[in-house]
Structures are given as structure tokens and as C-alpha cells.
Amino acid sequence: MSRPPLPLNDETAAEKPRMAEDAWNSRDPARVSLAYTPDSQWRNRAEFISGRDGIVAFLARKWTRELDYRLVKEV
């Protein structure tokens, strides 16, 4: 498998959401953060998250509370 971004075709169109789902469900904030640019800006309700370090910290906190959460993506 190539490293993302993958060329878009029927096969990769289904593969990309699966890769995102697998990363998110790994519950590894560092792994998930690599899908975003170093200067990413997130907003979660009233909280504003900046950069990969902020994403890692946010997801680590989030996943300590949301123990049974699983992301499911479909094409």
C-alpha cells in the first residue's frame, strides 16, 4: 500500500475512510495527529485546539472519558 495521499480511484475511495477509521479506533492520539498538518486548527464546542501537539493532548483527554466510542465510516 502506498503512503497517503493515495491517488483517487474506486479502490482507494473505499480505502481512505477505512484507514481513517482504523487510525481513530487505535486510540493512539499520536497516530491520529499525523493525518493532520502541523498547524491544524480544531474546534470542539468552546475549545480551540492548535497543532499536532494540541490534537494529541485533546484526544488523550477525550479517550480517557469515552471508553466505548468507535468510529465507523462508510463509503
N, C-alpha and C. Protein backbone atom coordinates (compact mmCIF):
# COMPACT_ATOMS: atom_id res chain seq x y z
N MET A 1 0.85 -1.18 0.00
CA MET A 1 0.00 0.00 0.00
C MET A 1 0.89 1.23 0.00
N SER A 2 0.49 2.23 -0.74
CA SER A 2 1.20 3.50 -0.80
C SER A 2 0.91 4.31 0.45
N ARG A 3 1.78 5.23 0.73
CA ARG A 3 1.55 6.13 1.85
C ARG A 3 0.63 7.25 1.36
N PRO A 4 -0.39 7.62 2.16
CA PRO A 4 -1.29 8.69 1.75
C PRO A 4 -0.55 9.97 1.44
N PRO A 5 -1.03 10.85 0.61
CA PRO A 5 -2.33 10.74 -0.06
C PRO A 5 -2.27 9.75 -1.22
N LEU A 6 -3.27 8.95 -1.30
CA LEU A 6 -3.37 7.94 -2.36
C LEU A 6 -4.06 8.54 -3.57
N PRO A 7 -3.72 8.05 -4.78
CA PRO A 7 -4.47 8.51 -5.95
C PRO A 7 -5.93 8.09 -5.82
N LEU A 8 -6.83 8.90 -6.34
CA LEU A 8 -8.25 8.61 -6.18
C LEU A 8 -8.75 7.73 -7.31
N ASN A 9 -9.24 6.57 -6.95
CA ASN A 9 -9.93 5.65 -7.85
C ASN A 9 -10.92 4.87 -7.01
N ASP A 10 -11.63 3.93 -7.62
CA ASP A 10 -12.66 3.20 -6.87
C ASP A 10 -12.09 2.47 -5.66
N GLU A 11 -10.92 1.88 -5.82
CA GLU A 11 -10.32 1.11 -4.73
C GLU A 11 -9.89 2.01 -3.58
N THR A 12 -9.17 3.09 -3.90
CA THR A 12 -8.69 3.97 -2.84
C THR A 12 -9.81 4.81 -2.23
N ALA A 13 -10.88 5.03 -2.98
CA ALA A 13 -12.02 5.76 -2.43
C ALA A 13 -12.60 5.01 -1.23
N ALA A 14 -12.57 3.70 -1.26
CA ALA A 14 -13.05 2.89 -0.14
C ALA A 14 -11.95 2.70 0.91
N GLU A 15 -10.70 2.75 0.49
CA GLU A 15 -9.58 2.51 1.40
C GLU A 15 -9.31 3.69 2.33
N LYS A 16 -9.44 4.90 1.83
CA LYS A 16 -9.13 6.08 2.65
C LYS A 16 -9.98 6.18 3.91
N PRO A 17 -11.31 6.04 3.83
CA PRO A 17 -12.10 6.10 5.07
C PRO A 17 -11.76 4.96 6.03
N ARG A 18 -11.44 3.80 5.48
CA ARG A 18 -11.06 2.66 6.33
C ARG A 18 -9.77 2.97 7.09
N MET A 19 -8.81 3.61 6.43
CA MET A 19 -7.56 3.97 7.08
C MET A 19 -7.81 4.98 8.20
N ALA A 20 -8.69 5.95 7.94
CA ALA A 20 -9.03 6.94 8.97
C ALA A 20 -9.73 6.27 10.14
N GLU A 21 -10.65 5.37 9.84
CA GLU A 21 -11.37 4.63 10.88
C GLU A 21 -10.40 3.81 11.73
N ASP A 22 -9.49 3.10 11.07
CA ASP A 22 -8.52 2.26 11.79
C ASP A 22 -7.62 3.11 12.69
N ALA A 23 -7.16 4.24 12.18
CA ALA A 23 -6.30 5.12 12.98
C ALA A 23 -7.06 5.63 14.21
N TRP A 24 -8.27 6.14 14.00
CA TRP A 24 -9.07 6.69 15.09
C TRP A 24 -9.36 5.61 16.14
N ASN A 25 -9.73 4.42 15.68
CA ASN A 25 -10.10 3.35 16.61
C ASN A 25 -8.89 2.70 17.29
N SER A 26 -7.69 3.05 16.84
CA SER A 26 -6.49 2.56 17.52
C SER A 26 -6.35 3.24 18.88
N ARG A 27 -7.02 4.39 19.03
CA ARG A 27 -6.95 5.20 20.25
C ARG A 27 -5.52 5.63 20.55
N ASP A 28 -4.75 5.83 19.48
CA ASP A 28 -3.38 6.32 19.57
C ASP A 28 -3.37 7.76 19.07
N PRO A 29 -3.41 8.74 19.98
CA PRO A 29 -3.51 10.14 19.57
C PRO A 29 -2.37 10.58 18.65
N ALA A 30 -1.17 10.08 18.88
CA ALA A 30 -0.03 10.46 18.04
C ALA A 30 -0.24 9.98 16.61
N ARG A 31 -0.76 8.77 16.46
CA ARG A 31 -1.03 8.22 15.12
C ARG A 31 -2.10 9.04 14.41
N VAL A 32 -3.15 9.37 15.11
CA VAL A 32 -4.24 10.15 14.52
C VAL A 32 -3.74 11.54 14.12
N SER A 33 -2.92 12.14 14.95
CA SER A 33 -2.46 13.50 14.68
C SER A 33 -1.64 13.60 13.39
N LEU A 34 -1.00 12.51 12.99
CA LEU A 34 -0.19 12.52 11.77
C LEU A 34 -1.03 12.71 10.50
N ALA A 35 -2.32 12.52 10.60
CA ALA A 35 -3.20 12.72 9.45
C ALA A 35 -3.48 14.21 9.21
N TYR A 36 -3.04 15.05 10.14
CA TYR A 36 -3.31 16.48 10.07
C TYR A 36 -2.00 17.26 9.94
N THR A 37 -2.08 18.45 9.38
CA THR A 37 -0.89 19.28 9.21
C THR A 37 -0.41 19.77 10.57
N PRO A 38 0.89 20.09 10.67
CA PRO A 38 1.43 20.56 11.96
C PRO A 38 0.74 21.82 12.50
N ASP A 39 0.14 22.61 11.62
CA ASP A 39 -0.52 23.83 12.08
C ASP A 39 -2.05 23.74 12.02
N SER A 40 -2.58 22.53 12.12
CA SER A 40 -4.03 22.32 12.08
C SER A 40 -4.73 23.09 13.19
N GLN A 41 -5.95 23.49 12.89
CA GLN A 41 -6.80 24.19 13.86
C GLN A 41 -8.09 23.39 14.02
N TRP A 42 -8.40 22.97 15.22
CA TRP A 42 -9.63 22.24 15.51
C TRP A 42 -10.48 23.07 16.46
N ARG A 43 -11.77 22.82 16.41
CA ARG A 43 -12.70 23.41 17.38
C ARG A 43 -13.60 22.31 17.87
N ASN A 44 -13.71 22.18 19.18
CA ASN A 44 -14.62 21.23 19.81
C ASN A 44 -15.47 22.01 20.81
N ARG A 45 -16.67 22.33 20.38
CA ARG A 45 -17.56 23.18 21.16
C ARG A 45 -16.86 24.50 21.47
N ALA A 46 -16.56 24.78 22.72
CA ALA A 46 -15.93 26.05 23.09
C ALA A 46 -14.41 25.94 23.19
N GLU A 47 -13.86 24.78 22.89
CA GLU A 47 -12.41 24.56 22.99
C GLU A 47 -11.76 24.67 21.62
N PHE A 48 -10.66 25.37 21.54
CA PHE A 48 -9.92 25.53 20.30
C PHE A 48 -8.58 24.82 20.44
N ILE A 49 -8.26 23.96 19.50
CA ILE A 49 -7.06 23.14 19.55
C ILE A 49 -6.17 23.55 18.39
N SER A 50 -4.88 23.73 18.68
CA SER A 50 -3.94 24.16 17.65
C SER A 50 -2.78 23.18 17.54
N GLY A 51 -2.48 22.77 16.33
CA GLY A 51 -1.31 21.95 16.05
C GLY A 51 -1.43 20.51 16.48
N ARG A 52 -0.48 19.71 16.04
CA ARG A 52 -0.49 18.28 16.34
C ARG A 52 -0.36 18.00 17.83
N ASP A 53 0.47 18.77 18.54
CA ASP A 53 0.60 18.55 19.99
C ASP A 53 -0.74 18.79 20.69
N GLY A 54 -1.46 19.81 20.26
CA GLY A 54 -2.78 20.08 20.82
C GLY A 54 -3.77 18.97 20.51
N ILE A 55 -3.69 18.44 19.30
CA ILE A 55 -4.56 17.33 18.90
C ILE A 55 -4.29 16.12 19.76
N VAL A 56 -3.01 15.81 19.96
CA VAL A 56 -2.64 14.65 20.79
C VAL A 56 -3.18 14.82 22.21
N ALA A 57 -2.98 15.99 22.80
CA ALA A 57 -3.46 16.25 24.16
C ALA A 57 -4.98 16.15 24.23
N PHE A 58 -5.67 16.74 23.26
CA PHE A 58 -7.13 16.71 23.25
C PHE A 58 -7.65 15.28 23.14
N LEU A 59 -7.12 14.51 22.20
CA LEU A 59 -7.60 13.14 22.01
C LEU A 59 -7.28 12.26 23.22
N ALA A 60 -6.14 12.45 23.83
CA ALA A 60 -5.80 11.67 25.03
C ALA A 60 -6.82 11.94 26.13
N ARG A 61 -7.18 13.21 26.33
CA ARG A 61 -8.21 13.54 27.33
C ARG A 61 -9.56 12.96 26.93
N LYS A 62 -9.91 13.12 25.67
CA LYS A 62 -11.21 12.66 25.17
C LYS A 62 -11.37 11.15 25.39
N TRP A 63 -10.33 10.42 25.04
CA TRP A 63 -10.43 8.96 25.09
C TRP A 63 -10.31 8.38 26.50
N THR A 64 -9.93 9.19 27.49
CA THR A 64 -9.98 8.69 28.86
C THR A 64 -11.41 8.67 29.38
N ARG A 65 -12.27 9.51 28.77
CA ARG A 65 -13.69 9.56 29.17
C ARG A 65 -14.57 8.70 28.29
N GLU A 66 -14.27 8.61 27.01
CA GLU A 66 -15.12 7.91 26.04
C GLU A 66 -14.54 6.53 25.77
N LEU A 67 -14.75 5.62 26.70
CA LEU A 67 -14.11 4.30 26.63
C LEU A 67 -14.71 3.39 25.57
N ASP A 68 -15.97 3.52 25.28
CA ASP A 68 -16.63 2.61 24.35
C ASP A 68 -16.89 3.23 22.98
N TYR A 69 -16.31 4.39 22.71
CA TYR A 69 -16.55 5.06 21.45
C TYR A 69 -15.77 4.39 20.32
N ARG A 70 -16.43 4.15 19.20
CA ARG A 70 -15.78 3.62 18.00
C ARG A 70 -16.27 4.43 16.82
N LEU A 71 -15.35 4.76 15.92
CA LEU A 71 -15.71 5.49 14.72
C LEU A 71 -16.00 4.48 13.61
N VAL A 72 -17.09 4.67 12.89
CA VAL A 72 -17.43 3.83 11.75
C VAL A 72 -17.68 4.74 10.57
N LYS A 73 -16.90 4.52 9.50
CA LYS A 73 -17.06 5.32 8.27
C LYS A 73 -17.51 4.39 7.16
N GLU A 74 -18.36 4.88 6.31
CA GLU A 74 -18.83 4.10 5.17
C GLU A 74 -18.73 4.93 3.91
N VAL A 75 -18.48 4.26 2.81
CA VAL A 75 -18.43 4.92 1.51
C VAL A 75 -19.74 4.67 0.80
